[in-house]
Protein backbone atom coordinates (compact mmCIF):
# COMPACT_ATOMS: atom_id res chain seq x y z
CA MET A 1 0.00 0.00 0.00
CA ARG A 2 1.30 3.44 -0.97
CA HIS A 3 1.55 6.22 1.63
CA ASP A 4 -1.11 8.33 -0.10
CA GLU A 5 -3.55 5.43 0.10
CA ILE A 6 -3.26 5.44 3.91
CA GLY A 7 -4.10 9.13 3.88
CA ASP A 8 -7.13 8.45 1.68
CA LEU A 9 -8.41 5.82 4.12
CA ILE A 10 -8.04 8.21 7.07
CA ALA A 11 -9.89 10.89 5.10
CA PHE A 12 -12.76 8.51 4.40
CA MET A 13 -12.95 7.41 8.05
CA THR A 14 -13.03 11.03 9.24
CA VAL A 15 -15.89 11.92 6.88
CA ALA A 16 -17.80 8.82 7.99
CA ASP A 17 -17.25 9.65 11.67
CA GLU A 18 -18.30 13.29 11.28
CA ARG A 19 -21.14 12.52 8.83
CA SER A 20 -20.14 15.74 7.09
CA PHE A 21 -17.48 16.82 4.58
CA THR A 22 -17.47 20.30 6.12
CA ARG A 23 -16.76 19.11 9.68
CA ALA A 24 -14.29 16.49 8.50
CA ALA A 25 -12.39 19.07 6.44
CA ALA A 26 -12.11 21.34 9.48
CA ARG A 27 -10.87 18.42 11.58
CA LEU A 28 -8.25 17.50 8.98
CA ALA A 29 -7.30 21.13 8.27
CA THR A 30 -8.03 20.86 4.55
CA SER A 31 -10.66 22.18 2.15
CA GLN A 32 -14.02 20.55 1.57
CA SER A 33 -13.40 20.24 -2.17
CA ALA A 34 -9.98 18.61 -1.66
CA LEU A 35 -11.47 16.15 0.83
CA SER A 36 -14.31 15.29 -1.55
CA GLN A 37 -11.80 14.59 -4.33
CA THR A 38 -9.76 12.38 -1.99
CA VAL A 39 -12.76 10.23 -1.07
CA ARG A 40 -13.89 10.03 -4.70
CA ARG A 41 -10.40 8.91 -5.72
CA LEU A 42 -10.52 6.15 -3.07
CA GLU A 43 -13.92 4.99 -4.30
CA GLU A 44 -12.71 4.90 -7.90
CA ARG A 45 -9.59 2.96 -6.97
CA LEU A 46 -11.64 0.37 -5.04
CA GLY A 47 -14.42 0.30 -7.62
CA ILE A 48 -17.15 0.59 -4.94
CA ARG A 49 -19.20 3.36 -3.43
CA LEU A 50 -18.28 4.00 0.22
CA LEU A 51 -20.48 6.97 1.10
CA ILE A 52 -24.06 8.01 0.42
CA ARG A 53 -24.15 11.77 -0.05
CA SER A 54 -27.23 13.95 0.42
CA THR A 55 -27.79 17.67 0.88
CA ARG A 56 -28.07 17.23 4.67
CA ASN A 57 -26.05 14.19 5.56
CA VAL A 58 -23.27 11.79 4.62
CA ALA A 59 -23.53 8.15 5.60
CA PRO A 60 -21.44 5.05 4.84
CA THR A 61 -22.79 2.40 2.49
CA GLU A 62 -22.81 -1.25 3.50
CA ALA A 63 -19.35 -1.60 1.93
CA GLY A 64 -18.27 1.57 3.73
CA GLU A 65 -19.42 0.18 7.09
CA GLU A 66 -17.45 -3.01 6.46
CA LEU A 67 -14.32 -1.01 5.67
CA LEU A 68 -14.84 1.14 8.78
CA SER A 69 -15.09 -1.95 10.99
CA THR A 70 -11.56 -2.82 9.86
CA LEU A 71 -10.12 0.68 9.87
CA ARG A 72 -11.26 1.90 13.30
CA PRO A 73 -9.53 -0.71 15.47
CA ALA A 74 -6.44 -0.64 13.23
CA ILE A 75 -6.09 3.16 13.40
CA ALA A 76 -6.84 3.15 17.13
CA ASP A 77 -4.09 0.57 17.66
CA ILE A 78 -1.60 2.62 15.62
CA ASP A 79 -2.51 5.76 17.59
CA ALA A 80 -2.03 3.94 20.87
CA ARG A 81 1.34 2.53 19.83
CA LEU A 82 2.55 5.93 18.68
CA LEU A 83 1.48 7.44 21.99
CA ALA A 84 3.22 4.64 23.86
CA LEU A 85 6.49 5.69 22.27
CA GLY A 86 6.28 8.69 24.56
CA ARG A 87 7.76 6.54 27.31
CA PHE A 88 11.12 7.14 25.66
CA ARG A 89 10.75 10.86 26.35
CA ASP A 90 12.11 12.40 29.50
CA LYS A 91 8.63 13.68 30.44
CA PRO A 92 5.08 12.56 29.53
CA ALA A 93 3.57 14.48 26.63
CA GLY A 94 0.57 14.38 24.32
CA LEU A 95 -3.19 14.82 24.29
CA VAL A 96 -5.61 12.90 26.51
CA ARG A 97 -9.31 13.00 25.50
CA ILE A 98 -11.90 12.13 28.14
CA THR A 99 -15.72 12.17 28.06
CA THR A 100 -17.47 12.68 31.39
CA GLY A 101 -20.63 14.01 32.97
CA GLN A 102 -20.74 17.41 34.65
CA HIS A 103 -20.94 16.10 38.22
CA ALA A 104 -17.90 13.85 37.86
CA ALA A 105 -16.01 16.61 36.07
CA ASP A 106 -16.62 19.08 38.88
CA THR A 107 -16.00 16.77 41.83
CA LEU A 108 -13.27 14.39 40.62
CA ILE A 109 -11.84 15.08 37.16
CA TRP A 110 -10.93 18.73 37.41
CA PRO A 111 -8.80 18.46 40.62
CA ALA A 112 -6.76 15.65 39.01
CA VAL A 113 -6.46 17.46 35.66
CA GLU A 114 -5.28 20.64 37.37
CA GLN A 115 -2.62 18.66 39.22
CA VAL A 116 -1.38 16.93 36.04
CA LEU A 117 -1.33 20.09 33.91
CA ARG A 118 0.71 21.97 36.49
CA ARG A 119 3.20 19.14 36.87
CA TYR A 120 3.55 18.11 33.20
CA PRO A 121 3.58 21.14 30.86
CA ASP A 122 3.74 18.94 27.73
CA VAL A 123 0.51 17.09 28.57
CA LYS A 124 -2.76 18.39 27.09
CA VAL A 125 -6.24 17.33 28.21
CA GLU A 126 -9.55 17.63 26.37
CA LEU A 127 -12.65 17.23 28.56
CA SER A 128 -15.92 16.59 26.74
CA ILE A 129 -18.76 17.24 29.20
CA ASP A 130 -21.67 15.07 28.11
CA SER A 131 -24.11 13.16 30.29
CA ALA A 132 -25.08 10.80 27.46
CA LEU A 133 -23.24 7.50 27.18
CA THR A 134 -20.56 7.82 24.50
CA ASP A 135 -18.90 5.15 22.35
CA ILE A 136 -15.33 6.06 23.28
CA VAL A 137 -13.83 3.81 20.59
CA GLU A 138 -15.89 5.26 17.75
CA GLN A 139 -15.46 8.84 18.97
CA ARG A 140 -11.73 8.26 19.58
CA PHE A 141 -11.68 9.19 23.24
CA ASP A 142 -8.93 7.77 25.41
CA ALA A 143 -11.36 7.08 28.22
CA GLY A 144 -14.78 7.80 29.66
CA VAL A 145 -15.93 8.48 33.22
CA ARG A 146 -19.29 7.11 34.33
CA LEU A 147 -20.91 5.39 37.31
CA GLY A 148 -19.62 1.85 37.79
CA GLU A 149 -22.95 0.26 36.85
CA GLN A 150 -22.88 2.00 33.46
CA VAL A 151 -19.48 0.70 32.33
CA GLY A 152 -19.44 -1.91 29.56
CA LYS A 153 -18.13 -5.39 30.37
CA ASP A 154 -15.53 -5.21 27.58
CA MET A 155 -13.80 -2.23 29.21
CA ILE A 156 -11.14 -1.93 31.87
CA ALA A 157 -12.69 0.09 34.69
CA VAL A 158 -10.74 1.81 37.46
CA ARG A 159 -12.50 3.24 40.48
CA ILE A 160 -11.83 6.95 40.91
CA GLY A 161 -14.32 7.91 43.59
CA PRO A 162 -16.09 6.64 46.72
CA GLU A 163 -19.48 4.98 46.88
CA MET A 164 -22.37 7.37 46.36
CA ARG A 165 -25.96 7.78 47.52
CA MET A 166 -29.04 9.48 46.20
CA ALA A 167 -31.04 11.91 48.33
CA VAL A 168 -34.75 12.69 48.11
CA VAL A 169 -35.42 16.23 49.31
CA ALA A 170 -38.04 18.95 49.60
CA THR A 171 -38.46 22.24 51.44
CA PRO A 172 -39.93 22.27 54.96
CA SER A 173 -42.85 24.37 53.68
CA TYR A 174 -43.67 21.87 50.92
CA LEU A 175 -43.71 18.97 53.38
CA ALA A 176 -45.78 20.96 55.88
CA THR A 177 -48.40 21.59 53.20
CA HIS A 178 -48.42 18.25 51.38
CA GLY A 179 -47.18 15.78 53.97
CA THR A 180 -44.04 13.63 54.19
CA PRO A 181 -43.78 10.47 52.06
CA ARG A 182 -43.06 7.41 54.21
CA THR A 183 -42.47 4.92 51.39
CA PRO A 184 -41.41 5.40 47.74
CA ASN A 185 -44.95 4.56 46.58
CA ASP A 186 -46.20 7.63 48.47
CA LEU A 187 -44.36 9.77 45.88
CA THR A 188 -47.10 9.08 43.33
CA ARG A 189 -49.35 11.38 45.38
CA HIS A 190 -46.82 14.22 45.36
CA SER A 191 -45.56 16.81 42.90
CA CYS A 192 -42.09 15.56 41.94
CA ILE A 193 -39.45 17.11 39.71
CA ASN A 194 -38.89 14.79 36.75
CA ILE A 195 -35.52 14.33 35.05
CA ARG A 196 -35.13 13.55 31.36
CA MET A 197 -32.28 11.13 30.71
CA PRO A 198 -29.76 12.45 28.15
CA SER A 199 -28.81 8.99 26.86
CA ALA A 200 -32.19 7.51 25.95
CA GLY A 201 -34.36 10.61 26.15
CA GLY A 202 -36.86 8.98 28.52
CA LEU A 203 -37.74 10.07 32.03
CA TYR A 204 -35.66 8.84 34.93
CA VAL A 205 -37.45 6.20 36.97
CA TRP A 206 -36.67 6.84 40.63
CA GLU A 207 -34.75 3.87 42.03
CA PHE A 208 -34.93 2.67 45.62
CA ALA A 209 -33.82 -0.38 47.60
CA LYS A 210 -34.34 -1.68 51.12
CA ASP A 211 -33.79 -5.05 52.81
CA GLY A 212 -32.84 -6.63 49.48
CA ARG A 213 -35.95 -5.31 47.75
CA ASP A 214 -35.63 -3.01 44.72
CA LEU A 215 -38.42 -0.59 43.96
CA HIS A 216 -38.78 1.65 40.90
CA VAL A 217 -41.28 4.52 40.93
CA ARG A 218 -42.50 6.71 38.07
CA VAL A 219 -43.35 10.14 39.39
CA GLU A 220 -45.42 13.08 38.16
CA GLY A 221 -45.10 16.82 38.64
CA GLN A 222 -45.26 20.25 37.06
CA LEU A 223 -41.58 20.51 36.16
CA LEU A 224 -39.27 18.48 33.93
CA VAL A 225 -35.51 19.22 33.74
CA ASN A 226 -32.45 17.58 32.18
CA ASN A 227 -29.70 18.50 34.63
CA MET A 228 -29.11 18.22 38.37
CA ALA A 229 -28.40 21.91 38.97
CA SER A 230 -31.90 22.89 37.79
CA ASN A 231 -33.33 19.96 39.71
CA VAL A 232 -31.87 21.18 43.02
CA ARG A 233 -32.80 24.80 42.30
CA ALA A 234 -36.42 23.81 41.73
CA ALA A 235 -36.50 21.83 44.97
CA GLU A 236 -35.17 24.84 46.88
CA ALA A 237 -37.91 26.96 45.31
CA GLY A 238 -40.54 24.60 46.75
CA ILE A 239 -41.73 23.33 43.36
CA GLY A 240 -41.83 19.77 44.62
CA ILE A 241 -39.79 16.76 45.73
CA ALA A 242 -36.47 16.10 43.98
CA ILE A 243 -34.01 13.24 43.81
CA THR A 244 -30.33 14.03 43.29
CA MET A 245 -26.79 13.06 44.25
CA GLU A 246 -26.38 13.32 48.02
CA ASP A 247 -23.32 15.58 47.91
CA GLN A 248 -25.20 18.21 45.88
CA VAL A 249 -27.66 18.92 48.68
CA LEU A 250 -25.73 18.30 51.92
CA PRO A 251 -25.23 22.06 52.58
CA GLN A 252 -28.95 22.75 52.05
CA ILE A 253 -29.90 19.86 54.35
CA LYS A 254 -27.46 21.04 57.00
CA ASP A 255 -28.79 24.62 57.09
CA GLY A 256 -32.44 23.54 56.90
CA ARG A 257 -33.32 24.81 53.44
CA LEU A 258 -34.12 21.24 52.39
CA VAL A 259 -35.33 18.21 54.33
CA ARG A 260 -34.30 14.68 53.44
CA VAL A 261 -37.00 12.01 53.15
CA LEU A 262 -36.93 8.25 52.42
CA ASP A 263 -33.32 8.12 53.63
CA ASP A 264 -33.59 4.43 54.53
CA TRP A 265 -34.58 3.64 50.92
CA CYS A 266 -31.38 5.15 49.44
CA PRO A 267 -28.47 2.71 49.94
CA PRO A 268 -24.91 3.33 48.66
CA PHE A 269 -24.04 2.32 45.09
CA ALA A 270 -20.90 2.05 42.96
CA GLY A 271 -19.33 5.47 42.39
CA TYR A 272 -17.46 6.86 39.41
CA HIS A 273 -15.03 4.77 37.36
CA ILE A 274 -12.76 5.70 34.49
CA TYR A 275 -12.95 3.12 31.71
CA TYR A 276 -11.00 2.41 28.53
CA PRO A 277 -10.67 -0.46 26.00
CA SER A 278 -8.81 -3.49 27.30
CA ARG A 279 -6.74 -3.77 24.12
CA ARG A 280 -5.49 -0.17 24.25
CA GLN A 281 -1.94 0.54 25.35
CA LEU A 282 -1.74 3.39 27.83
CA SER A 283 0.16 6.45 26.72
CA PRO A 284 2.47 8.02 29.32
CA ALA A 285 0.22 11.10 29.38
CA PHE A 286 -2.87 9.02 30.08
CA ASP A 287 -0.99 6.97 32.64
CA VAL A 288 -0.10 10.01 34.78
CA LEU A 289 -3.70 11.23 34.65
CA LEU A 290 -4.98 7.78 35.59
CA LYS A 291 -2.67 7.68 38.60
CA ALA A 292 -3.89 11.12 39.69
CA LEU A 293 -7.51 9.99 39.41
CA ARG A 294 -7.23 6.56 41.04
CA HIS A 295 -9.34 6.39 44.21
CA ARG A 296 -7.44 5.68 47.39
CA ARG A 297 -9.58 4.08 50.08
């Protein structure tokens, strides 16, 4: 294979990943017309159509998908091996790309990133804040950070935070007016703040457990939000009952702005883990960040 053919394959993969010649051209620092010619040249050389082009979208054909299934792991392996060569440098260097939710970024990721950036000036970090579950292989992230129960079985997962708990809260005035729920099923008679899940788009089903019994409750209310900050703010305003991460409302519970209910139905669960493909070699830059993140009991 000639060197220019490798470049053509990477160009095709980038267009397929971005689903756009415009975005792919920006990513590759080339022009849209030059990129289009490159992909067309590849298709002519192979004698098959790899992309379906429309005015709004670009999508791989069946043949294109088959080629991508070969290219992606091969390119990822090459990238990893090139990064691993950094161990021959005096100091770690290179870019580390991580996808994470906002809560984990604020409480765990940023303190570690700040420490690494100050200590290793040649290391760069890209944080993609996204609550939806991301295919880190397809999107070419080095790692993702999610709750332990959300990590795929084919990934290496490293614990980076303690166990967590949920907290169900409301204002004293709301509870005085509407009563205090004694069991999760009582929530169906209350105004609750619903949360839309970013991954599937559905509403979060409130999860509880006690004495080995799991209980899921679908709630109703006047307000629907898609992030925890708005959820807590609405609870403080007395809109209704909210469920959120415990650490986000401890100050409000302590000073009396919010009251915790159903505490005995909210057991601890697996906290945040950083995960990455088992076949991927760790770059020195990623390795120092991983060590900074690793949870110490």
